[in-house]
Amino acid sequence: MVRITASGDAYATATEFSVIDAASEHPLRPRRHVNEIPDIMRSLERISANGKRSKPIYSDCWMADTEDLEVIERYKIPFGTVTVGNTPDGQAEYFLRPSEYKFSDLTNQVVNAVIDEIRNSSAPYNVSSGNIMSVAKNMLIRHSDKIGVSASVLEETASVVRRYTVGLGIFEILLGDPRLEDIYIDAPCEKNRIHVTLNGIAESNSHVRCRTNLIVDRREVRSLISVLKRDSGLPFCESSPVLETDVCGHEARATVIGYPMSPNGDAVAIRKHSTSPWTLTKLISNGTIGPAAAGLLSFLVNSRCTFLICGARGAGKSSLLSALLFEFPLSQRILTIEDTSELPTEKMRKIGYKVQSMLIGERLQGDMQERAEEALRVSLRLGESAVILGEVRGEEARTLYQSMRTGRAGSSIMGTIHGDSAHSVYERVVHDMKISPDAFSATDIVVTMGTKRPKGSMRQFRRLNEMALTSDKHGDFVSIPSDGDLSDGKIFETPMFRRILASSSSSKEEMIDEIRARAEMRTYLAEMASSHSAEFCGPEWICFANEHLSKALRDGSFDSYETTESFKKWFGRYNGIC
């Protein structure tokens, strides 16, 4: 039995609840020696006995007290501070303290009054989100004798008013954390903490699933869903209990399920897109792939090979696919097919790429496979292009492989697919998708991404696990070490490299030199990003490196060492780095 007690008066702007385990007070319950209680049970008892929750009166999200954390990292985000650590029971916790949860009672009274005034007026419907800040500041100035009139106070309190009137409340703060990848709200939301997936812990490429200190009431979740429905124009009700849409203005994608599919209430999963494009340089920098592997992948993209990138959810398939796009020459026309905008097409256009995007979202007729197949058919009629599939699912694969075999599929094909190895991808494509083994041989390379977790650690590290080239025998592959070592020469016996050699005037040794130069240039950029500025991991510098290499190849002056050194000298002069 659990007894809940509350404290506060009618004018309180924050309320605290204490959850007390009444059974633990029973006089007949035998006392246990502390050493006999497992850590996880002791942790659960502490949570039960000390589960205090607090929130401002205008918020519907409770901030739960947490146990003492073994702190891994602390950092600031817009509108809050974050502490990441391990609890005594071994769980990872993401402790968020929003700025408004530190306001005084008097400040929260004023903010609540302004929020109520705006909600009860027509302001939220007649002004933009930006203008709400001005409206809020004017209202707050009237209370200057209570909260002060400094610019910083006005800005902070006005931003709180905006979030709780036209914004996304607590979810807007979570979405503002650049390290968050996923946000999960399980039903019933008022009985479950929000959970998140967090990357970049301790300045590495690790990611970890954390519970948070936040518990949201149903009203907060329904408010989020109302915004998603309003912005997307899509239905969400008992007859249509699934909503999938972008979160406007936040580079994220939300999936919502409701009753009757979710019998305990609404549940939400939000996946954030990367705000800075992935590049092979960035993947080298964070340890996901090695320099030699990056050089080889760059060479194969430039040679217009066909890629399938496989791995489990969260293994980094989309990140690698995005990085490979910047290895195309600027002259290459590219068609992308996605159900949600995750690929860095806008950034590519700004750099100078010719990109045509095709979205197969809920607004189109038919199920997802029908929409994907139709989009692929249309793309093949749009002229010679590299075709990039966000995900290879099923029926569209037949159209894809038929086009590849007949030479109508453009200059290059890339796509992601679920699987944990080249052999598992082969089995899925051939046996589940009913693609013939002969047709699958049009795939040049299968790249497998995976995660590894050190013993006793909650963190997982993304890694390139395997690169496998299709061979002359169906279902067999020639594996390339994940470090990109080509010394045994077996890859040059594969159909892909025989084709590259036949269409190129380069010898095997010259190809190896080119791969080495690509690797060294990306390694140099990663070093410059580490020692000078993270911007050197950006795609613009990949384009500069590729153009420098291409010019040397065109001029007939290519030498691996000299080309790399001349690029370094140019880079240093351009950026004023000695």
Protein backbone atom coordinates (compact mmCIF):
# COMPACT_ATOMS: atom_id res chain seq x y z
CA MET A 1 0.00 0.00 0.00
CA VAL A 2 1.28 3.46 -0.87
CA ARG A 3 0.09 6.59 0.88
CA ILE A 4 0.52 9.97 -0.86
CA THR A 5 0.74 13.18 1.13
CA ALA A 6 0.75 16.69 -0.31
CA SER A 7 1.89 20.01 1.10
CA GLY A 8 1.13 23.52 -0.14
CA ASP A 9 -1.54 26.19 0.06
CA ALA A 10 -3.99 27.66 -2.42
CA TYR A 11 -1.49 30.27 -3.58
CA ALA A 12 1.52 27.97 -3.96
CA THR A 13 3.21 28.11 -7.32
CA ALA A 14 4.97 24.78 -6.78
CA THR A 15 3.68 21.61 -5.14
CA GLU A 16 5.63 18.76 -3.60
CA PHE A 17 4.39 15.19 -3.14
CA SER A 18 6.03 12.61 -0.90
CA VAL A 19 5.41 8.92 -1.58
CA ILE A 20 5.60 6.80 1.57
CA ASP A 21 5.68 3.01 1.67
CA ALA A 22 3.12 2.35 4.40
CA ALA A 23 3.90 -1.35 4.48
CA SER A 24 7.47 -0.61 5.54
CA GLU A 25 6.04 0.92 8.74
CA HIS A 26 4.11 -2.26 9.68
CA PRO A 27 5.13 -3.40 13.18
CA LEU A 28 5.02 -7.11 12.27
CA ARG A 29 7.36 -6.78 9.27
CA PRO A 30 10.73 -8.38 10.20
CA ARG A 31 13.73 -6.10 9.97
CA ARG A 32 16.36 -7.16 7.42
CA HIS A 33 20.05 -6.65 7.84
CA VAL A 34 21.19 -3.97 5.38
CA ASN A 35 23.81 -6.28 3.88
CA GLU A 36 21.11 -8.84 3.00
CA ILE A 37 19.27 -6.43 0.69
CA PRO A 38 20.37 -6.44 -2.99
CA ASP A 39 21.44 -3.04 -4.30
CA ILE A 40 18.55 -2.82 -6.75
CA MET A 41 15.98 -3.58 -4.02
CA ARG A 42 17.57 -1.02 -1.70
CA SER A 43 17.42 1.51 -4.54
CA LEU A 44 13.73 0.79 -5.17
CA GLU A 45 12.97 1.19 -1.46
CA ARG A 46 14.74 4.56 -1.39
CA ILE A 47 12.78 5.72 -4.42
CA SER A 48 9.55 4.62 -2.72
CA ALA A 49 10.42 6.27 0.57
CA ASN A 50 11.84 9.51 -0.80
CA GLY A 51 9.90 10.03 -4.02
CA LYS A 52 9.41 13.77 -3.78
CA ARG A 53 8.15 15.51 -6.87
CA SER A 54 7.87 19.20 -7.64
CA LYS A 55 6.79 21.44 -10.48
CA PRO A 56 5.71 25.01 -11.20
CA ILE A 57 1.95 25.42 -11.12
CA TYR A 58 1.74 26.14 -14.86
CA SER A 59 3.64 22.97 -15.86
CA ASP A 60 2.29 19.44 -16.12
CA CYS A 61 5.68 17.80 -15.75
CA TRP A 62 6.94 16.65 -12.36
CA MET A 63 10.63 16.77 -11.51
CA ALA A 64 11.36 13.81 -9.25
CA ASP A 65 14.10 13.86 -6.66
CA THR A 66 16.87 11.47 -7.52
CA GLU A 67 19.37 9.40 -5.62
CA ASP A 68 22.98 10.42 -5.26
CA LEU A 69 24.52 10.06 -8.70
CA GLU A 70 28.00 8.95 -9.58
CA VAL A 71 28.44 11.90 -11.91
CA ILE A 72 29.77 11.21 -15.39
CA GLU A 73 29.22 14.64 -16.88
CA ARG A 74 27.50 17.97 -16.27
CA TYR A 75 26.64 20.51 -18.94
CA LYS A 76 24.29 23.38 -19.73
CA ILE A 77 21.63 23.45 -22.43
CA PRO A 78 19.22 26.22 -23.43
CA PHE A 79 16.78 26.71 -20.54
CA GLY A 80 18.31 24.15 -18.21
CA THR A 81 21.20 22.17 -16.78
CA VAL A 82 21.89 18.45 -17.18
CA THR A 83 23.69 15.98 -14.95
CA VAL A 84 24.39 12.48 -16.30
CA GLY A 85 25.43 9.78 -13.89
CA ASN A 86 25.01 6.28 -12.55
CA THR A 87 22.63 5.43 -9.69
CA PRO A 88 23.61 3.02 -6.91
CA ASP A 89 21.61 0.26 -8.65
CA GLY A 90 23.70 0.64 -11.80
CA GLN A 91 21.20 2.54 -13.94
CA ALA A 92 22.17 5.55 -16.00
CA GLU A 93 20.18 8.68 -15.21
CA TYR A 94 19.69 11.94 -17.10
CA PHE A 95 18.85 14.58 -14.49
CA LEU A 96 17.39 17.74 -16.05
CA ARG A 97 16.75 20.86 -14.01
CA PRO A 98 14.81 23.33 -16.20
CA SER A 99 15.40 27.00 -15.46
CA GLU A 100 11.77 27.60 -14.42
CA TYR A 101 12.04 24.91 -11.73
CA LYS A 102 14.55 27.15 -9.94
CA PHE A 103 12.35 30.26 -9.97
CA SER A 104 11.15 31.72 -6.69
CA ASP A 105 7.49 31.27 -5.75
CA LEU A 106 6.87 34.96 -6.45
CA THR A 107 8.40 34.73 -9.94
CA ASN A 108 6.32 31.64 -10.72
CA GLN A 109 3.18 33.44 -9.58
CA VAL A 110 3.89 36.24 -12.06
CA VAL A 111 4.76 33.84 -14.91
CA ASN A 112 1.58 31.84 -14.24
CA ALA A 113 -0.56 34.99 -14.31
CA VAL A 114 0.91 36.03 -17.66
CA ILE A 115 0.45 32.54 -19.11
CA ASP A 116 -3.19 32.50 -18.03
CA GLU A 117 -3.76 35.96 -19.50
CA ILE A 118 -2.32 34.92 -22.86
CA ARG A 119 -4.16 31.59 -22.90
CA ASN A 120 -7.46 33.32 -22.17
CA SER A 121 -6.91 35.90 -24.90
CA SER A 122 -6.67 35.49 -28.66
CA ALA A 123 -2.93 36.12 -28.63
CA PRO A 124 -1.76 32.52 -29.20
CA TYR A 125 -3.89 32.34 -32.34
CA ASN A 126 -3.12 35.76 -33.78
CA VAL A 127 0.64 36.18 -33.27
CA SER A 128 3.67 34.14 -34.20
CA SER A 129 5.85 32.29 -31.73
CA GLY A 130 8.49 35.02 -31.99
CA ASN A 131 6.02 37.80 -31.30
CA ILE A 132 4.73 36.02 -28.21
CA MET A 133 8.05 36.92 -26.62
CA SER A 134 7.31 40.63 -27.11
CA VAL A 135 3.77 40.23 -25.81
CA ALA A 136 5.07 38.33 -22.76
CA LYS A 137 7.77 40.92 -22.03
CA ASN A 138 5.23 43.76 -22.11
CA MET A 139 3.01 41.90 -19.67
CA LEU A 140 5.91 40.97 -17.41
CA ILE A 141 7.11 44.59 -17.25
CA ARG A 142 3.84 45.43 -15.52
CA HIS A 143 5.05 43.20 -12.69
CA SER A 144 8.55 44.69 -12.63
CA ASP A 145 8.22 45.58 -8.97
CA LYS A 146 7.95 41.85 -8.19
CA ILE A 147 10.51 40.20 -10.47
CA GLY A 148 12.82 43.02 -11.53
CA VAL A 149 13.27 44.46 -15.00
CA SER A 150 16.77 43.36 -15.99
CA ALA A 151 17.10 42.19 -19.58
CA SER A 152 18.24 38.71 -18.56
CA VAL A 153 15.28 38.19 -16.21
CA LEU A 154 12.80 39.40 -18.83
CA GLU A 155 14.32 37.20 -21.51
CA GLU A 156 14.30 34.10 -19.33
CA THR A 157 10.79 34.51 -17.96
CA ALA A 158 9.37 35.49 -21.36
CA SER A 159 10.87 32.34 -22.91
CA VAL A 160 9.08 30.28 -20.24
CA VAL A 161 5.80 31.99 -21.11
CA ARG A 162 6.36 31.23 -24.80
CA ARG A 163 7.12 27.55 -24.15
CA TYR A 164 3.95 27.05 -22.12
CA THR A 165 1.63 28.93 -24.48
CA VAL A 166 2.65 28.31 -28.10
CA GLY A 167 5.65 26.01 -27.51
CA LEU A 168 6.11 22.39 -26.49
CA GLY A 169 6.62 22.89 -22.77
CA ILE A 170 9.12 20.51 -21.21
CA PHE A 171 9.58 18.68 -24.51
CA GLU A 172 11.03 21.81 -26.06
CA ILE A 173 13.80 21.80 -23.46
CA LEU A 174 14.59 18.14 -24.14
CA LEU A 175 14.62 18.75 -27.89
CA GLY A 176 17.05 21.61 -27.29
CA ASP A 177 19.70 19.24 -25.94
CA PRO A 178 21.99 18.50 -28.91
CA ARG A 179 23.15 15.26 -27.30
CA LEU A 180 19.72 13.63 -27.14
CA GLU A 181 18.91 11.19 -29.93
CA ASP A 182 15.61 9.68 -28.74
CA ILE A 183 12.88 10.61 -26.25
CA TYR A 184 10.40 7.99 -25.02
CA ILE A 185 7.16 8.53 -23.10
CA ASP A 186 5.55 5.18 -22.22
CA ALA A 187 1.91 4.72 -21.20
CA PRO A 188 0.57 5.42 -18.68
CA CYS A 189 2.78 8.48 -18.79
CA GLU A 190 1.94 9.67 -15.27
CA LYS A 191 3.38 6.44 -13.83
CA ASN A 192 6.55 6.21 -15.91
CA ARG A 193 9.61 8.38 -16.12
CA ILE A 194 10.59 9.76 -19.51
CA HIS A 195 13.51 7.82 -20.99
CA VAL A 196 16.10 9.11 -23.45
CA THR A 197 19.01 7.95 -25.58
CA LEU A 198 22.04 10.17 -25.15
CA ASN A 199 25.21 10.36 -27.26
CA GLY A 200 28.65 11.85 -26.86
CA ILE A 201 29.11 10.83 -23.23
CA ALA A 202 32.56 11.81 -21.95
CA GLU A 203 33.50 13.18 -25.41
CA SER A 204 33.26 9.83 -27.21
CA ASN A 205 30.98 8.26 -29.79
CA SER A 206 29.21 6.25 -27.10
CA HIS A 207 25.49 6.37 -26.58
CA VAL A 208 23.52 5.27 -23.56
CA ARG A 209 19.87 4.76 -22.70
CA CYS A 210 18.94 6.73 -19.59
CA ARG A 211 15.94 7.16 -17.39
CA THR A 212 15.24 10.79 -16.56
CA ASN A 213 13.97 12.53 -13.45
CA LEU A 214 10.87 13.72 -15.35
CA ILE A 215 7.31 12.38 -15.17
CA VAL A 216 4.64 14.01 -17.33
CA ASP A 217 0.90 14.15 -16.70
CA ARG A 218 -1.50 13.17 -19.46
CA ARG A 219 -2.41 16.80 -20.10
CA GLU A 220 1.21 17.59 -21.07
CA VAL A 221 1.28 14.68 -23.52
CA ARG A 222 -2.09 15.61 -24.99
CA SER A 223 -0.83 19.17 -25.48
CA LEU A 224 2.17 17.83 -27.43
CA ILE A 225 -0.10 15.64 -29.57
CA SER A 226 -2.39 18.59 -30.29
CA VAL A 227 0.56 20.57 -31.65
CA LEU A 228 1.68 17.60 -33.79
CA LYS A 229 -1.86 17.19 -35.19
CA ARG A 230 -2.19 20.91 -35.87
CA ASP A 231 1.15 21.21 -37.67
CA SER A 232 0.79 18.00 -39.72
CA GLY A 233 -2.93 18.07 -40.50
CA LEU A 234 -2.99 14.30 -39.91
CA PRO A 235 -5.74 12.49 -37.94
CA PHE A 236 -5.24 10.87 -34.53
CA CYS A 237 -8.20 9.22 -32.85
CA GLU A 238 -9.54 5.78 -31.88
CA SER A 239 -10.14 4.86 -35.51
CA SER A 240 -6.68 6.15 -36.46
CA PRO A 241 -4.52 5.50 -33.36
CA VAL A 242 -1.11 6.06 -35.00
CA LEU A 243 0.42 9.45 -35.81
CA GLU A 244 3.81 9.76 -37.50
CA THR A 245 5.01 13.24 -38.34
CA ASP A 246 7.92 15.68 -38.15
CA VAL A 247 8.19 17.93 -35.11
CA CYS A 248 8.17 21.30 -36.84
CA GLY A 249 11.12 23.53 -36.06
CA HIS A 250 13.01 20.92 -34.07
CA GLU A 251 14.65 18.58 -36.62
CA ALA A 252 12.89 15.56 -35.15
CA ARG A 253 10.35 12.87 -36.03
CA ALA A 254 7.56 11.79 -33.66
CA THR A 255 5.58 8.54 -33.55
CA VAL A 256 2.47 8.51 -31.35
CA ILE A 257 0.21 5.57 -30.53
CA GLY A 258 -3.09 5.86 -28.69
CA TYR A 259 -6.11 3.88 -27.59
CA PRO A 260 -7.07 1.14 -28.50
CA MET A 261 -3.61 0.22 -29.84
CA SER A 262 -2.12 1.48 -26.57
CA PRO A 263 -4.72 0.47 -23.93
CA ASN A 264 -3.02 2.42 -21.11
CA GLY A 265 -3.05 5.78 -22.85
CA ASP A 266 -0.96 7.72 -25.32
CA ALA A 267 2.70 6.82 -25.87
CA VAL A 268 5.24 8.90 -27.78
CA ALA A 269 8.65 8.22 -29.31
CA ILE A 270 10.67 11.13 -30.73
CA ARG A 271 13.80 10.63 -32.80
CA LYS A 272 16.01 13.67 -33.34
CA HIS A 273 17.95 14.24 -36.54
CA SER A 274 21.58 15.26 -36.42
CA THR A 275 21.92 19.05 -36.62
CA SER A 276 25.44 18.91 -38.09
CA PRO A 277 25.90 16.60 -41.09
CA TRP A 278 27.86 13.40 -40.63
CA THR A 279 31.03 13.01 -42.67
CA LEU A 280 33.69 10.32 -42.84
CA THR A 281 36.01 12.80 -41.11
CA LYS A 282 33.57 13.13 -38.23
CA LEU A 283 33.23 9.34 -37.98
CA ILE A 284 37.03 9.01 -37.87
CA SER A 285 37.20 11.71 -35.22
CA ASN A 286 34.78 9.95 -32.87
CA GLY A 287 36.26 6.48 -33.45
CA THR A 288 33.39 4.90 -35.39
CA ILE A 289 35.56 4.00 -38.38
CA GLY A 290 39.29 3.88 -39.06
CA PRO A 291 41.12 6.11 -41.58
CA ALA A 292 41.91 3.26 -44.02
CA ALA A 293 38.27 2.12 -44.05
CA ALA A 294 37.18 5.73 -44.68
CA GLY A 295 39.61 6.01 -47.60
CA LEU A 296 38.29 2.80 -49.14
CA LEU A 297 34.64 3.83 -48.76
CA SER A 298 35.39 7.22 -50.31
CA PHE A 299 37.08 5.51 -53.26
CA LEU A 300 34.13 3.13 -53.79
CA VAL A 301 31.58 5.96 -53.72
CA ASN A 302 33.63 7.86 -56.30
CA SER A 303 33.73 4.65 -58.36
CA ARG A 304 29.90 4.59 -58.29
CA CYS A 305 29.52 1.29 -56.52
CA THR A 306 26.32 -0.14 -55.05
CA PHE A 307 26.10 -0.11 -51.25
CA LEU A 308 23.83 -1.74 -48.70
CA ILE A 309 24.43 -0.52 -45.15
CA CYS A 310 23.05 -2.83 -42.48
CA GLY A 311 22.84 -2.91 -38.71
CA ALA A 312 20.37 -2.80 -35.85
CA ARG A 313 18.34 0.27 -34.93
CA GLY A 314 20.65 2.91 -33.48
CA ALA A 315 23.81 1.29 -34.87
CA GLY A 316 24.58 4.25 -37.12
CA LYS A 317 23.29 3.13 -40.54
CA SER A 318 21.76 6.50 -41.43
CA SER A 319 24.80 8.36 -40.11
CA LEU A 320 27.14 6.42 -42.40
CA LEU A 321 24.77 6.77 -45.36
CA SER A 322 24.66 10.55 -44.80
CA ALA A 323 28.46 10.68 -44.62
CA LEU A 324 28.88 8.75 -47.87
CA LEU A 325 26.70 11.23 -49.76
CA PHE A 326 29.38 13.91 -49.40
CA GLU A 327 31.89 11.60 -51.11
CA PHE A 328 30.10 12.00 -54.45
CA PRO A 329 31.61 14.56 -56.82
CA LEU A 330 29.61 17.79 -57.06
CA SER A 331 28.77 16.94 -60.66
CA GLN A 332 26.79 13.87 -59.57
CA ARG A 333 22.99 14.23 -59.64
CA ILE A 334 21.37 12.55 -56.64
CA LEU A 335 17.80 11.35 -55.97
CA THR A 336 16.82 10.53 -52.38
CA ILE A 337 13.77 8.50 -51.33
CA GLU A 338 12.76 8.70 -47.64
CA ASP A 339 9.67 8.37 -45.48
CA THR A 340 11.01 11.19 -43.27
CA SER A 341 13.63 13.82 -44.00
CA GLU A 342 16.82 12.56 -42.32
CA LEU A 343 19.42 12.79 -45.07
CA PRO A 344 21.34 16.12 -45.27
CA THR A 345 19.84 17.16 -48.61
CA GLU A 346 19.44 20.83 -47.70
CA LYS A 347 23.08 21.10 -46.68
CA MET A 348 24.11 19.35 -49.90
CA ARG A 349 22.18 21.87 -51.99
CA LYS A 350 23.88 24.76 -50.18
CA ILE A 351 27.29 23.29 -50.99
CA GLY A 352 26.38 22.90 -54.65
CA TYR A 353 25.06 19.35 -55.09
CA LYS A 354 22.15 18.64 -57.44
CA VAL A 355 19.69 16.81 -55.19
CA GLN A 356 16.06 15.86 -55.79
CA SER A 357 14.27 14.69 -52.65
CA MET A 358 11.24 12.40 -52.66
CA LEU A 359 9.20 11.86 -49.47
CA ILE A 360 6.84 8.90 -49.17
CA GLY A 361 5.04 10.02 -46.01
CA GLU A 362 1.53 9.49 -44.73
CA ARG A 363 -0.01 12.08 -47.05
CA LEU A 364 0.44 9.79 -50.06
CA GLN A 365 -1.97 6.96 -50.84
CA GLY A 366 -1.20 3.29 -50.24
CA ASP A 367 0.87 1.54 -47.61
CA MET A 368 4.56 2.27 -47.07
CA GLN A 369 5.83 -0.45 -49.43
CA GLU A 370 3.48 0.66 -52.23
CA ARG A 371 4.58 4.28 -51.80
CA ALA A 372 8.26 3.30 -51.77
CA GLU A 373 7.89 1.18 -54.88
CA GLU A 374 6.06 3.93 -56.77
CA ALA A 375 8.66 6.53 -55.74
CA LEU A 376 11.43 4.25 -56.97
CA ARG A 377 9.69 3.71 -60.30
CA VAL A 378 9.31 7.46 -60.72
CA SER A 379 12.94 8.09 -59.78
CA LEU A 380 14.13 5.76 -62.52
CA ARG A 381 12.27 7.93 -65.05
CA LEU A 382 13.86 11.17 -63.82
CA GLY A 383 17.12 10.67 -65.65
CA GLU A 384 20.58 9.37 -64.83
CA SER A 385 21.24 9.83 -61.12
CA ALA A 386 22.54 8.16 -58.01
CA VAL A 387 19.53 6.71 -56.18
CA ILE A 388 19.60 6.81 -52.37
CA LEU A 389 17.01 4.76 -50.47
CA GLY A 390 16.57 5.72 -46.83
CA GLU A 391 15.52 2.13 -46.10
CA VAL A 392 15.12 -0.98 -48.25
CA ARG A 393 12.02 -2.75 -46.91
CA GLY A 394 10.39 -5.23 -49.25
CA GLU A 395 8.46 -4.98 -52.48
CA GLU A 396 10.40 -2.00 -53.78
CA ALA A 397 13.54 -4.15 -53.65
CA ARG A 398 12.27 -6.15 -56.63
CA THR A 399 11.94 -3.00 -58.70
CA LEU A 400 15.35 -1.86 -57.48
CA TYR A 401 17.21 -5.06 -58.37
CA GLN A 402 15.41 -5.50 -61.67
CA SER A 403 16.48 -1.98 -62.65
CA MET A 404 20.03 -2.59 -61.48
CA ARG A 405 20.33 -5.72 -63.61
CA THR A 406 18.97 -4.05 -66.71
CA GLY A 407 21.18 -0.99 -66.26
CA ARG A 408 18.31 1.44 -65.66
CA ALA A 409 19.05 2.21 -62.03
CA GLY A 410 21.39 5.12 -62.52
CA SER A 411 25.06 5.49 -61.76
CA SER A 412 25.02 4.37 -58.14
CA ILE A 413 22.66 2.87 -55.58
CA MET A 414 22.83 3.21 -51.80
CA GLY A 415 20.41 2.15 -49.12
CA THR A 416 20.08 0.98 -45.53
CA ILE A 417 18.60 -2.36 -44.52
CA HIS A 418 18.14 -4.18 -41.23
CA GLY A 419 20.61 -7.02 -40.62
CA ASP A 420 23.67 -7.84 -38.56
CA SER A 421 26.02 -9.13 -41.27
CA ALA A 422 26.42 -9.48 -45.03
CA HIS A 423 25.18 -13.08 -44.84
CA SER A 424 22.04 -12.12 -42.89
CA VAL A 425 21.30 -9.41 -45.49
CA TYR A 426 21.72 -11.95 -48.28
CA GLU A 427 19.34 -14.35 -46.55
CA ARG A 428 16.76 -11.64 -46.02
CA VAL A 429 16.91 -10.24 -49.54
CA VAL A 430 16.98 -13.62 -51.31
CA HIS A 431 14.64 -15.67 -49.11
CA ASP A 432 12.33 -13.11 -47.48
CA MET A 433 12.11 -10.53 -50.27
CA LYS A 434 12.26 -13.21 -53.01
CA ILE A 435 15.08 -11.53 -54.94
CA SER A 436 17.00 -14.02 -57.07
CA PRO A 437 20.65 -14.73 -56.11
CA ASP A 438 21.68 -13.52 -59.59
CA ALA A 439 19.92 -10.19 -58.97
CA PHE A 440 21.52 -9.77 -55.53
CA SER A 441 24.93 -9.98 -57.16
CA ALA A 442 24.29 -6.43 -58.42
CA THR A 443 25.11 -5.39 -54.84
CA ASP A 444 28.81 -4.52 -54.74
CA ILE A 445 29.41 -4.12 -51.01
CA VAL A 446 27.56 -4.69 -47.74
CA VAL A 447 28.75 -2.55 -44.82
CA THR A 448 27.72 -3.61 -41.32
CA MET A 449 27.43 -1.14 -38.46
CA GLY A 450 27.14 -2.32 -34.87
CA THR A 451 27.47 -1.37 -31.24
CA LYS A 452 29.77 -2.66 -28.53
CA ARG A 453 29.36 -2.31 -24.80
CA PRO A 454 32.33 -2.66 -22.45
CA LYS A 455 31.83 -5.03 -19.53
CA GLY A 456 29.95 -3.45 -16.66
CA SER A 457 29.23 -0.27 -18.61
CA MET A 458 25.86 1.17 -19.64
CA ARG A 459 27.48 2.93 -22.58
CA GLN A 460 27.48 1.50 -26.10
CA PHE A 461 29.97 2.47 -28.78
CA ARG A 462 29.15 2.53 -32.48
CA ARG A 463 31.61 0.72 -34.70
CA LEU A 464 32.01 -0.33 -38.32
CA ASN A 465 31.93 -4.12 -37.90
CA GLU A 466 32.31 -5.49 -41.42
CA MET A 467 32.85 -4.59 -45.06
CA ALA A 468 32.04 -7.46 -47.41
CA LEU A 469 32.22 -7.55 -51.21
CA THR A 470 30.03 -9.90 -53.24
CA SER A 471 31.99 -12.67 -54.96
CA ASP A 472 31.46 -14.80 -58.07
CA LYS A 473 29.70 -17.45 -55.97
CA HIS A 474 26.18 -16.55 -54.82
CA GLY A 475 25.98 -16.08 -51.06
CA ASP A 476 29.73 -15.87 -50.56
CA PHE A 477 31.55 -12.67 -49.69
CA VAL A 478 35.11 -11.40 -49.62
CA SER A 479 35.56 -9.67 -46.28
CA ILE A 480 37.69 -6.58 -45.89
CA PRO A 481 39.11 -6.05 -42.39
CA SER A 482 37.30 -3.25 -40.58
CA ASP A 483 40.62 -1.36 -40.49
CA GLY A 484 40.60 -1.28 -44.32
CA ASP A 485 43.80 -3.34 -44.78
CA LEU A 486 44.09 -4.32 -48.49
CA SER A 487 47.46 -6.08 -48.31
CA ASP A 488 46.21 -9.57 -49.20
CA GLY A 489 44.87 -8.36 -52.57
CA LYS A 490 41.80 -10.62 -52.56
CA ILE A 491 39.43 -7.71 -53.14
CA PHE A 492 40.86 -7.20 -56.63
CA GLU A 493 39.51 -10.66 -57.57
CA THR A 494 35.90 -9.62 -56.89
CA PRO A 495 33.46 -8.70 -59.70
CA MET A 496 33.31 -5.10 -58.44
CA PHE A 497 37.06 -4.45 -58.60
CA ARG A 498 37.38 -6.26 -61.92
CA ARG A 499 34.77 -3.85 -63.27
CA ILE A 500 36.56 -0.82 -61.77
CA LEU A 501 39.90 -1.93 -63.22
CA ALA A 502 38.34 -2.57 -66.63
CA SER A 503 36.81 0.92 -66.76
CA SER A 504 39.84 2.73 -65.38
CA SER A 505 43.35 3.37 -66.64
CA SER A 506 44.70 2.93 -63.10
CA SER A 507 46.59 -0.14 -61.92
CA LYS A 508 45.99 -1.95 -58.63
CA GLU A 509 48.95 -0.16 -57.08
CA GLU A 510 47.67 3.25 -58.23
CA MET A 511 44.23 2.48 -56.79
CA ILE A 512 45.78 1.56 -53.45
CA ASP A 513 47.74 4.84 -53.53
CA GLU A 514 44.53 6.79 -54.18
CA ILE A 515 42.76 5.03 -51.30
CA ARG A 516 45.73 5.84 -49.07
CA ALA A 517 45.62 9.52 -50.07
CA ARG A 518 41.90 9.73 -49.33
CA ALA A 519 42.51 8.15 -45.91
CA GLU A 520 45.37 10.51 -45.05
CA MET A 521 43.42 13.62 -46.07
CA ARG A 522 40.49 12.65 -43.84
CA THR A 523 42.81 11.80 -40.98
CA TYR A 524 44.44 15.23 -41.32
CA LEU A 525 41.05 16.98 -41.27
CA ALA A 526 40.06 15.00 -38.17
CA GLU A 527 43.30 16.08 -36.47
CA MET A 528 42.70 19.71 -37.40
CA ALA A 529 39.15 19.46 -36.05
CA SER A 530 40.48 18.10 -32.78
CA SER A 531 43.27 20.64 -32.37
CA HIS A 532 41.69 23.77 -33.88
CA SER A 533 37.98 23.77 -34.77
CA ALA A 534 35.20 21.18 -35.08
CA GLU A 535 34.13 22.89 -38.32
CA PHE A 536 36.95 21.06 -40.14
CA CYS A 537 34.86 17.87 -39.81
CA GLY A 538 32.25 19.58 -41.97
CA PRO A 539 31.30 18.44 -45.49
CA GLU A 540 32.75 21.52 -47.20
CA TRP A 541 36.28 20.35 -46.35
CA ILE A 542 35.56 16.87 -47.68
CA CYS A 543 34.57 18.51 -50.97
CA PHE A 544 37.80 20.57 -51.00
CA ALA A 545 39.87 17.43 -50.35
CA ASN A 546 38.12 15.47 -53.08
CA GLU A 547 38.51 18.27 -55.61
CA HIS A 548 42.22 18.62 -54.76
CA LEU A 549 42.68 14.88 -55.34
CA SER A 550 40.61 14.85 -58.53
CA LYS A 551 42.64 17.72 -60.00
CA ALA A 552 45.89 15.81 -59.38
CA LEU A 553 44.40 12.72 -61.04
CA ARG A 554 43.17 14.72 -64.04
CA ASP A 555 46.51 16.48 -64.48
CA GLY A 556 48.41 13.21 -64.36
CA SER A 557 50.47 14.59 -61.48
CA PHE A 558 49.04 12.31 -58.81
CA ASP A 559 51.39 10.93 -56.19
CA SER A 560 49.93 9.80 -52.88
CA TYR A 561 52.49 11.56 -50.68
CA GLU A 562 52.90 14.73 -52.73
CA THR A 563 49.14 15.19 -53.24
CA THR A 564 48.46 14.78 -49.54
CA GLU A 565 51.24 17.17 -48.56
CA SER A 566 50.15 19.80 -51.07
CA PHE A 567 46.61 19.60 -49.68
CA LYS A 568 47.94 20.12 -46.14
CA LYS A 569 49.95 23.15 -47.25
CA TRP A 570 46.97 24.66 -49.05
CA PHE A 571 44.74 24.00 -46.02
CA GLY A 572 47.24 25.65 -43.68
CA ARG A 573 47.59 28.76 -45.84
CA TYR A 574 43.83 29.07 -46.35
CA ASN A 575 43.10 28.84 -42.62
CA GLY A 576 46.21 30.62 -41.33
CA ILE A 577 47.48 27.48 -39.61
CA CYS A 578 51.22 26.93 -39.59
